[in-house]
Structures are given as structure tokens and as C-alpha cells.
Amino acid sequence: MATIRARKKADGTVSYTVQIRLKNKGVIVYQECQTFARKQAAQAWAKRRETELAEPGAIERANRKGHTVREMIDRYLVDGAKVRPLGKTKKATLLAIAASHFGEVVDSAINSQILVDYALWRMSPEGGAVQPQTAGNDLAHLGSVLSVARPAWGYEVEPHAMSDARTVLKKLGYNMKSRERDRRPAMDELNKLLKHFFEMQKRRPSSINMPKVLAFALFSTRRQEEITRIRWADLDEERQAVKVRDMKNPGQKIGNDVWCHLPDEAWAIVHSMPRECDEIFPYNSDSISAAWTRACQFLEIEDLHFHDLRHEGVSRLFEMDWDIPRVASVSGHRDWNSLRRYTHLRGRGDCYEGWTWLGKIISSQVTLGARSHGVLG
């Protein structure tokens, strides 16, 4: 039989712990417990588990030790890294999930109710009081793990648990989709950043040449990770194009190599780099991210991401009256709906025409130092 006990926490919220104990001739043959933020979820889980455990052979299966979410995530991180390193945000999110109480949930216990309860916990003060979109991102990254845990590793994960949980959360009124970002850098912000980065170059000539990286990201619309993967062998001199390896795509990431046109400004920046390494920009992506974050904090520039340069580059091309196929030939987008998310127009014309920084960026010297023998930060 199942018993439900309510416990008041320090922050005033109440949690509900379900305990199930089954006896045979006075001897406990099985017991388990789960804690929920909502009483309804606790009651639903207790009812479902009692029904499941009444089936023949259910107790034997339930006594199987099982695999925890933390173990699944650890395996996913190891297996995924063999093909290609996971993105920084996704990896950090999965590690946080593994370190939470949800990381101790075993595979056979994962269902829509417990996933809904986890999302609600994340949105509660105890779980970090995150926005629904952040909780949605947690579920999306966790879903990547669960989608391979059953077919690849034989773990007992309910196949429709994640999709059912999302349906429930939507019915409850939570918008779990990420908000479309429309931030573009102001010209004054770019002036501050470039001045700062050029000063850093004077002090440390062998540091990452952030002026070239910044300008190339803007004019090429390339993502941060893509920039550091581009090789000299990936250039097509006749077509003024570059092969972008493993371009980010929801349906295909590995082996999704796409040829993208480089506008004249990006093409000139590429050919201003020394041919001392296989990579055109032989820098570490995480080091670029750190340099960008430090600069924005120092200059007190709020809420400006490196990825916003891609928004700026795409929007600029449309403001120059480029049509959709021509812009897509630069950005690499396959459909208008995806491209639309990067389009936030401010006016007409090229606001970078006669940009005084461009000549200085192209003519600036690059000192690779130890990078000539390998990619460093």
C-alpha cells in the first residue's frame, strides 16, 4: 500500500513523499519512495505504481537496481564527445541536472508526471525560480539523453514520457519555448569593443585577435564554433565561398557540411590572416567566449552575446536589399522560418559602408606564436 506524507520546507512550500511497501508473509519484499512538489502528482504516481506492481513479475523487475539519470548523462557526455564535443550550454545544463535530486531518479521511474514535477520544481524558488523557457531548455537537453537511452543502451525509459510531459505543461499554461532574441549591437557598443580589443592587442600581441574575429563573425554571419573550425583547405577561391563543417542543424549536426558565400568584407578579413596553421582562426572557442564576456563586463555593455553578431550580419544583408536566397547563401539557413529568427531590420542601406574600423582590422598584424603548432586559447 502507498502512503503519502506532506512535509513543510524552510521556505514555506510543501512537498509530498509517497512511500510504497509490499509484504509477503510479513516480510517486506519491495519498497520505494518518490517526492513531489504537488499532491496531485504524488497521488497519480502512487496509483500508477500500485497498478504496475500488481502485474505478474513486476516486483522482480522493480527490484532491479536500474540506472540513474546521472549515470545516463555521464554516459551520454562520454559517448557524445567521441564524435564531437557538446556545446557549452548543453553540457553545463546536463551536468546541473545530474547534480540535482533528479539525477538520482532511476530509468524505470521516469514518466511524464515526474518530468512535469521536475519542470515545476525548476520554476519554484527552491529550484532556482527560472523562467518557463529555461525549464523548457532543461527538458530539451534531457530529452536528447532519454531519446538514446532506451534504443542505444537498453535502459527502461518510457518512450513517450517527454512528449507527454510537454503536452501537460502546455495545457497548464506554461510557454516552454525559447523567446526569440532580437538584440543587435549598437554602433557605439562596437566602437567601445573594438577600441578595447585593439588596446589588448597592443599589450599582448599574441592574444586572440578579437577585432578580426568580431568583424568576421559580423560580415560572414558565422557562429563562434564554426569560425574556429574553418580551415584554409575549406576555401573555394573561385566561388568566394567557404565550407562550414558540421553546421548546426536540428536534424543533422555531424557531417552537415555546407558551402557558404563570404561577402567581400569577410573575404578580405580571411586573407588578412597568416597561413601558419591549418585553421584560419586557430583559436579556442571557449577562449573567444571568455574574452567577449570579460570585455562586455568591463565596458558595462549589458545583454550582448557574441551570437548577436550573427543577427546583426543577417539583418544587415536584408537592409541592403538582398533577397532571401542570397542571404541564405551566406548564413547557410535552409528555410525562411529559421532565417526569420535572425532578421531584425532597423532601416534601409548598409550602415557599415565606409566603416572606419574595417581598414584598421584588415591591416592589423596577427601574431600566432605557439598557435602555429596547435590551437590554444
Protein backbone atom coordinates (compact mmCIF):
# COMPACT_ATOMS: atom_id res chain seq x y z
CA MET A 1 0.00 0.00 0.00
CA ALA A 2 1.07 3.57 -0.63
CA THR A 3 1.20 6.29 1.99
CA ILE A 4 1.61 10.00 1.26
CA ARG A 5 3.24 12.30 3.77
CA ALA A 6 3.33 16.09 3.49
CA ARG A 7 6.44 17.93 4.66
CA LYS A 8 6.72 21.69 5.07
CA LYS A 9 10.07 23.08 3.95
CA ALA A 10 12.07 26.00 5.29
CA ASP A 11 10.85 28.29 2.51
CA GLY A 12 7.22 27.57 3.37
CA THR A 13 6.49 25.28 0.41
CA VAL A 14 5.14 21.77 0.91
CA SER A 15 6.47 18.59 -0.67
CA TYR A 16 4.71 15.22 -0.78
CA THR A 17 6.58 11.96 -0.32
CA VAL A 18 4.98 8.72 -1.49
CA GLN A 19 6.17 5.51 0.16
CA ILE A 20 5.20 2.11 -1.18
CA ARG A 21 5.83 -1.03 0.88
CA LEU A 22 4.85 -4.53 -0.22
CA LYS A 23 4.99 -7.51 2.12
CA ASN A 24 4.83 -11.26 1.62
CA LYS A 25 4.06 -13.27 4.76
CA GLY A 26 5.06 -10.33 6.91
CA VAL A 27 8.38 -9.79 5.13
CA ILE A 28 8.99 -6.62 3.12
CA VAL A 29 9.73 -7.76 -0.45
CA TYR A 30 9.73 -4.34 -2.08
CA GLN A 31 9.71 -0.67 -1.14
CA GLU A 32 10.28 2.63 -2.89
CA CYS A 33 9.53 6.29 -2.40
CA GLN A 34 9.34 9.42 -4.52
CA THR A 35 8.91 13.08 -3.57
CA PHE A 36 6.74 15.52 -5.50
CA ALA A 37 6.02 19.23 -5.34
CA ARG A 38 2.29 18.68 -5.99
CA LYS A 39 -0.09 16.38 -4.14
CA GLN A 40 -1.94 15.54 -7.37
CA ALA A 41 1.29 14.32 -8.95
CA ALA A 42 2.06 12.22 -5.87
CA GLN A 43 -1.42 10.63 -5.91
CA ALA A 44 -1.22 9.91 -9.65
CA TRP A 45 2.21 8.30 -9.32
CA ALA A 46 1.11 6.18 -6.32
CA LYS A 47 -1.95 4.92 -8.16
CA ARG A 48 0.03 4.09 -11.29
CA ARG A 49 2.81 2.31 -9.39
CA GLU A 50 0.37 0.21 -7.35
CA THR A 51 -1.29 -0.92 -10.58
CA GLU A 52 2.06 -1.71 -12.20
CA LEU A 53 3.36 -3.63 -9.19
CA ALA A 54 0.24 -5.81 -9.13
CA GLU A 55 1.18 -7.31 -12.52
CA PRO A 56 2.95 -10.72 -12.61
CA GLY A 57 6.73 -10.39 -12.37
CA ALA A 58 6.51 -6.67 -11.60
CA ILE A 59 8.19 -6.91 -8.18
CA GLU A 60 11.13 -8.83 -9.63
CA ARG A 61 11.55 -6.19 -12.31
CA ALA A 62 11.16 -3.39 -9.78
CA ASN A 63 13.89 -4.86 -7.57
CA ARG A 64 16.28 -4.45 -10.45
CA LYS A 65 18.76 -1.79 -9.39
CA GLY A 66 18.25 0.32 -12.50
CA HIS A 67 20.29 3.22 -13.86
CA THR A 68 20.05 6.76 -12.60
CA VAL A 69 19.63 9.89 -14.70
CA ARG A 70 23.10 10.92 -13.58
CA GLU A 71 24.55 7.69 -14.98
CA MET A 72 22.68 8.21 -18.25
CA ILE A 73 24.00 11.76 -18.56
CA ASP A 74 27.57 10.68 -17.78
CA ARG A 75 27.39 8.04 -20.50
CA TYR A 76 25.83 10.48 -22.95
CA LEU A 77 28.60 13.01 -22.36
CA VAL A 78 31.31 10.39 -22.87
CA ASP A 79 29.77 8.81 -25.98
CA GLY A 80 28.87 12.17 -27.50
CA ALA A 81 32.37 13.57 -27.03
CA LYS A 82 33.79 10.71 -29.10
CA VAL A 83 32.05 12.15 -32.16
CA ARG A 84 32.02 15.87 -31.40
CA PRO A 85 32.22 17.91 -28.16
CA LEU A 86 28.87 19.05 -26.88
CA GLY A 87 28.02 22.74 -26.82
CA LYS A 88 29.00 24.59 -23.67
CA THR A 89 25.42 25.46 -22.69
CA LYS A 90 24.07 21.96 -23.26
CA LYS A 91 26.89 20.33 -21.32
CA ALA A 92 26.51 22.74 -18.39
CA THR A 93 22.74 22.15 -18.30
CA LEU A 94 23.10 18.37 -18.29
CA LEU A 95 25.73 18.47 -15.54
CA ALA A 96 23.41 20.65 -13.43
CA ILE A 97 20.55 18.17 -13.92
CA ALA A 98 22.84 15.29 -12.95
CA ALA A 99 23.88 17.12 -9.78
CA SER A 100 20.27 17.85 -8.75
CA HIS A 101 17.92 15.48 -6.93
CA PHE A 102 16.56 14.47 -10.33
CA GLY A 103 19.94 12.92 -11.11
CA GLU A 104 19.17 10.12 -8.65
CA VAL A 105 15.91 9.10 -10.33
CA VAL A 106 16.22 5.64 -11.90
CA ASP A 107 15.30 4.94 -15.50
CA SER A 108 12.20 2.86 -14.76
CA ALA A 109 10.75 5.70 -12.65
CA ILE A 110 10.93 8.30 -15.43
CA ASN A 111 7.47 9.19 -16.67
CA SER A 112 5.55 12.29 -17.72
CA GLN A 113 4.44 13.04 -14.14
CA ILE A 114 7.95 13.10 -12.72
CA LEU A 115 9.20 15.20 -15.65
CA VAL A 116 6.39 17.71 -15.14
CA ASP A 117 7.20 17.80 -11.45
CA TYR A 118 10.87 18.48 -12.21
CA ALA A 119 9.95 21.37 -14.53
CA LEU A 120 7.66 22.86 -11.87
CA TRP A 121 10.42 22.46 -9.28
CA ARG A 122 12.85 24.36 -11.54
CA MET A 123 10.35 27.20 -11.78
CA SER A 124 9.85 27.26 -8.00
CA PRO A 125 12.09 29.27 -5.62
CA GLU A 126 13.68 26.05 -4.39
CA GLY A 127 14.66 25.02 -7.92
CA GLY A 128 16.04 28.41 -8.94
CA ALA A 129 12.84 30.26 -9.90
CA VAL A 130 13.80 30.01 -13.58
CA GLN A 131 11.58 31.17 -16.43
CA PRO A 132 9.43 28.55 -18.22
CA GLN A 133 11.70 28.89 -21.26
CA THR A 134 14.73 27.89 -19.18
CA ALA A 135 12.87 24.90 -17.74
CA GLY A 136 11.92 24.05 -21.33
CA ASN A 137 15.59 24.12 -22.33
CA ASP A 138 16.35 21.75 -19.45
CA LEU A 139 13.75 19.31 -20.76
CA ALA A 140 15.03 19.67 -24.32
CA HIS A 141 18.61 18.79 -23.35
CA LEU A 142 17.42 15.99 -21.06
CA GLY A 143 15.25 14.72 -23.91
CA SER A 144 18.38 14.28 -26.04
CA VAL A 145 19.69 11.86 -23.41
CA LEU A 146 16.42 9.97 -22.94
CA SER A 147 15.91 9.59 -26.69
CA VAL A 148 19.01 7.40 -26.98
CA ALA A 149 18.97 5.77 -23.51
CA ARG A 150 16.37 3.15 -24.41
CA PRO A 151 17.29 2.17 -28.00
CA ALA A 152 21.08 2.51 -27.62
CA TRP A 153 21.71 1.33 -24.07
CA GLY A 154 18.61 -0.71 -23.20
CA TYR A 155 17.55 1.50 -20.29
CA GLU A 156 13.92 1.25 -19.19
CA VAL A 157 12.71 4.72 -20.18
CA GLU A 158 9.06 5.29 -21.07
CA PRO A 159 9.17 6.21 -24.79
CA HIS A 160 6.53 8.97 -24.69
CA ALA A 161 7.34 10.39 -21.27
CA MET A 162 8.94 13.61 -22.54
CA SER A 163 6.35 14.41 -25.20
CA ASP A 164 3.53 13.74 -22.73
CA ALA A 165 5.20 15.99 -20.13
CA ARG A 166 5.45 18.85 -22.64
CA THR A 167 1.78 18.42 -23.52
CA VAL A 168 0.80 18.60 -19.86
CA LEU A 169 2.90 21.72 -19.23
CA LYS A 170 1.37 23.38 -22.28
CA LYS A 171 -2.14 22.55 -21.04
CA LEU A 172 -1.21 24.05 -17.67
CA GLY A 173 -0.44 27.31 -19.46
CA TYR A 174 3.37 27.29 -19.45
CA ASN A 175 5.13 28.54 -22.58
CA MET A 176 8.27 26.43 -22.59
CA LYS A 177 9.54 27.64 -25.97
CA SER A 178 12.61 29.87 -26.04
CA ARG A 179 11.90 33.51 -26.70
CA GLU A 180 13.18 34.83 -29.98
CA ARG A 181 16.12 37.12 -29.37
CA ASP A 182 16.23 40.43 -31.28
CA ARG A 183 19.32 42.04 -29.74
CA ARG A 184 21.68 43.75 -32.19
CA PRO A 185 24.85 45.61 -31.20
CA ALA A 186 24.67 49.39 -31.40
CA MET A 187 27.43 51.11 -33.36
CA ASP A 188 28.60 52.79 -30.15
CA GLU A 189 28.92 49.38 -28.49
CA LEU A 190 31.01 48.04 -31.37
CA ASN A 191 33.22 51.13 -31.18
CA LYS A 192 33.86 50.50 -27.48
CA LEU A 193 34.55 46.81 -28.01
CA LEU A 194 36.96 47.33 -30.90
CA LYS A 195 38.83 50.07 -29.09
CA HIS A 196 39.15 47.78 -26.07
CA PHE A 197 40.29 44.78 -28.13
CA PHE A 198 42.89 46.80 -30.06
CA GLU A 199 44.30 48.04 -26.77
CA MET A 200 44.53 44.43 -25.62
CA GLN A 201 46.40 43.58 -28.84
CA LYS A 202 48.98 46.25 -28.07
CA ARG A 203 49.59 44.81 -24.61
CA ARG A 204 49.53 41.16 -25.72
CA PRO A 205 50.19 40.83 -29.48
CA SER A 206 49.94 37.03 -29.32
CA SER A 207 46.49 37.04 -27.68
CA ILE A 208 43.35 36.25 -29.69
CA ASN A 209 42.93 38.83 -32.41
CA MET A 210 39.40 39.68 -31.33
CA PRO A 211 38.96 42.60 -33.79
CA LYS A 212 39.34 40.18 -36.73
CA VAL A 213 37.18 37.51 -35.07
CA LEU A 214 34.46 40.06 -34.23
CA ALA A 215 34.39 41.58 -37.72
CA PHE A 216 34.49 38.19 -39.46
CA ALA A 217 31.55 36.97 -37.35
CA LEU A 218 29.58 40.07 -38.26
CA PHE A 219 30.23 40.09 -42.00
CA SER A 220 30.20 36.31 -42.54
CA THR A 221 27.28 35.62 -40.10
CA ARG A 222 29.23 32.60 -38.85
CA ARG A 223 28.73 31.12 -35.39
CA GLN A 224 31.54 31.17 -32.86
CA GLU A 225 32.28 27.44 -33.02
CA GLU A 226 32.12 27.45 -36.82
CA ILE A 227 34.72 30.21 -37.06
CA THR A 228 37.31 28.19 -35.16
CA ARG A 229 36.71 25.09 -37.34
CA ILE A 230 37.22 26.77 -40.72
CA ARG A 231 40.41 25.63 -42.47
CA TRP A 232 42.36 27.09 -45.37
CA ALA A 233 41.52 23.89 -47.27
CA ASP A 234 37.83 24.79 -46.86
CA LEU A 235 38.07 27.90 -49.05
CA ASP A 236 36.88 27.99 -52.66
CA GLU A 237 38.78 30.88 -54.23
CA GLU A 238 36.75 30.88 -57.43
CA ARG A 239 33.33 30.98 -55.78
CA GLN A 240 34.47 33.14 -52.82
CA ALA A 241 32.93 30.54 -50.55
CA VAL A 242 33.84 28.50 -47.50
CA LYS A 243 32.84 25.01 -46.42
CA VAL A 244 31.29 25.24 -42.95
CA ARG A 245 31.79 21.84 -41.38
CA ASP A 246 29.17 20.29 -39.07
CA MET A 247 26.87 23.30 -39.34
CA LYS A 248 24.32 23.40 -36.56
CA ASN A 249 21.02 21.88 -37.65
CA PRO A 250 18.23 20.33 -35.53
CA GLY A 251 18.03 17.24 -37.74
CA GLN A 252 21.70 16.77 -38.56
CA LYS A 253 24.81 18.09 -36.85
CA ILE A 254 27.59 15.66 -37.66
CA GLY A 255 28.60 15.67 -41.30
CA ASN A 256 26.32 18.59 -42.16
CA ASP A 257 28.91 20.43 -44.25
CA VAL A 258 27.52 23.47 -46.07
CA TRP A 259 29.16 25.78 -48.61
CA CYS A 260 28.51 29.43 -47.72
CA HIS A 261 29.30 32.56 -49.69
CA LEU A 262 31.62 35.05 -47.97
CA PRO A 263 30.78 38.73 -48.55
CA ASP A 264 33.68 40.91 -49.68
CA GLU A 265 34.39 42.22 -46.15
CA ALA A 266 34.61 38.70 -44.66
CA TRP A 267 36.69 37.52 -47.62
CA ALA A 268 39.20 40.32 -47.07
CA ILE A 269 39.46 39.52 -43.35
CA VAL A 270 40.14 35.85 -44.13
CA HIS A 271 43.02 36.74 -46.45
CA SER A 272 44.48 39.08 -43.83
CA MET A 273 45.16 36.08 -41.59
CA PRO A 274 48.59 34.38 -41.74
CA ARG A 275 48.75 30.90 -43.28
CA GLU A 276 50.67 29.34 -40.41
CA CYS A 277 48.07 26.83 -39.22
CA ASP A 278 45.51 24.54 -40.81
CA GLU A 279 42.77 26.66 -39.25
CA ILE A 280 42.20 30.20 -40.49
CA PHE A 281 41.33 31.37 -36.99
CA PRO A 282 43.35 28.98 -34.80
CA TYR A 283 41.71 29.93 -31.53
CA ASN A 284 39.77 28.09 -28.85
CA SER A 285 36.02 28.79 -28.97
CA ASP A 286 35.72 28.92 -25.18
CA SER A 287 38.59 31.42 -25.02
CA ILE A 288 36.82 33.67 -27.53
CA SER A 289 33.66 33.46 -25.43
CA ALA A 290 35.58 34.34 -22.27
CA ALA A 291 37.30 37.32 -23.92
CA TRP A 292 33.95 38.61 -25.18
CA THR A 293 32.27 38.23 -21.78
CA ARG A 294 35.12 39.94 -19.93
CA ALA A 295 35.10 42.86 -22.38
CA CYS A 296 31.35 43.40 -22.11
CA GLN A 297 31.52 43.30 -18.32
CA PHE A 298 34.46 45.74 -18.24
CA LEU A 299 32.76 48.13 -20.66
CA GLU A 300 29.39 47.72 -18.89
CA ILE A 301 27.67 46.58 -22.08
CA GLU A 302 24.57 44.71 -20.97
CA ASP A 303 22.98 41.64 -22.53
CA LEU A 304 25.14 41.49 -25.66
CA HIS A 305 26.08 37.98 -26.75
CA PHE A 306 28.69 37.03 -29.34
CA HIS A 307 25.91 35.24 -31.21
CA ASP A 308 24.15 38.61 -31.63
CA LEU A 309 26.77 39.39 -34.29
CA ARG A 310 25.10 36.73 -36.44
CA HIS A 311 21.76 38.55 -36.00
CA GLU A 312 23.50 41.77 -36.98
CA GLY A 313 25.09 40.24 -40.07
CA VAL A 314 21.87 38.67 -41.38
CA SER A 315 19.80 41.80 -40.68
CA ARG A 316 22.41 43.97 -42.45
CA LEU A 317 22.16 41.93 -45.65
CA PHE A 318 18.38 42.30 -45.75
CA GLU A 319 18.71 46.04 -45.09
CA MET A 320 20.97 46.12 -48.17
CA ASP A 321 18.01 44.69 -50.16
CA TRP A 322 19.48 41.21 -50.60
CA ASP A 323 16.74 38.65 -51.31
CA ILE A 324 16.12 35.53 -49.20
CA PRO A 325 18.09 33.01 -51.36
CA ARG A 326 21.10 35.34 -51.49
CA VAL A 327 21.10 35.94 -47.73
CA ALA A 328 20.66 32.20 -47.11
CA SER A 329 23.70 31.53 -49.30
CA VAL A 330 25.72 33.44 -46.69
CA SER A 331 24.02 32.34 -43.47
CA GLY A 332 23.51 28.72 -44.51
CA HIS A 333 19.83 28.62 -43.50
CA ARG A 334 17.66 26.09 -45.29
CA ASP A 335 14.25 27.68 -44.75
CA TRP A 336 12.75 31.12 -44.27
CA ASN A 337 11.27 30.38 -40.83
CA SER A 338 14.73 29.73 -39.39
CA LEU A 339 16.23 32.70 -41.20
CA ARG A 340 13.42 34.96 -39.99
CA ARG A 341 14.54 34.50 -36.37
CA TYR A 342 17.77 36.31 -37.24
CA THR A 343 16.14 39.17 -39.10
CA HIS A 344 15.50 42.38 -37.14
CA LEU A 345 15.52 45.31 -39.52
CA ARG A 346 16.27 48.89 -38.47
CA GLY A 347 16.14 50.64 -41.82
CA ARG A 348 17.50 50.52 -45.36
CA GLY A 349 21.03 50.60 -46.75
CA ASP A 350 24.41 49.44 -45.46
CA CYS A 351 25.20 51.07 -42.12
CA TYR A 352 28.77 49.70 -42.44
CA GLU A 353 29.51 51.44 -45.72
CA GLY A 354 32.71 53.42 -45.19
CA TRP A 355 33.14 51.89 -41.71
CA THR A 356 36.48 53.26 -40.49
CA TRP A 357 37.21 50.20 -38.37
CA LEU A 358 37.27 47.78 -41.31
CA GLY A 359 40.51 49.01 -42.86
CA LYS A 360 42.22 49.01 -39.47
CA ILE A 361 41.00 45.46 -38.78
CA ILE A 362 42.19 44.12 -42.14
CA SER A 363 45.61 45.75 -41.89
CA SER A 364 46.22 44.75 -38.25
CA GLN A 365 49.06 42.28 -37.72
CA VAL A 366 48.40 38.83 -36.30
CA THR A 367 50.93 37.09 -34.04
CA LEU A 368 50.04 33.44 -33.55
CA GLY A 369 53.10 32.40 -31.55
CA ALA A 370 52.61 28.93 -30.10
CA ARG A 371 49.37 28.55 -32.06
CA SER A 372 51.46 27.81 -35.13
CA HIS A 373 51.98 24.39 -33.57
CA GLY A 374 48.47 23.87 -32.22
CA VAL A 375 45.19 25.56 -31.30
CA LEU A 376 45.44 27.33 -27.96
CA GLY A 377 43.28 29.78 -26.04
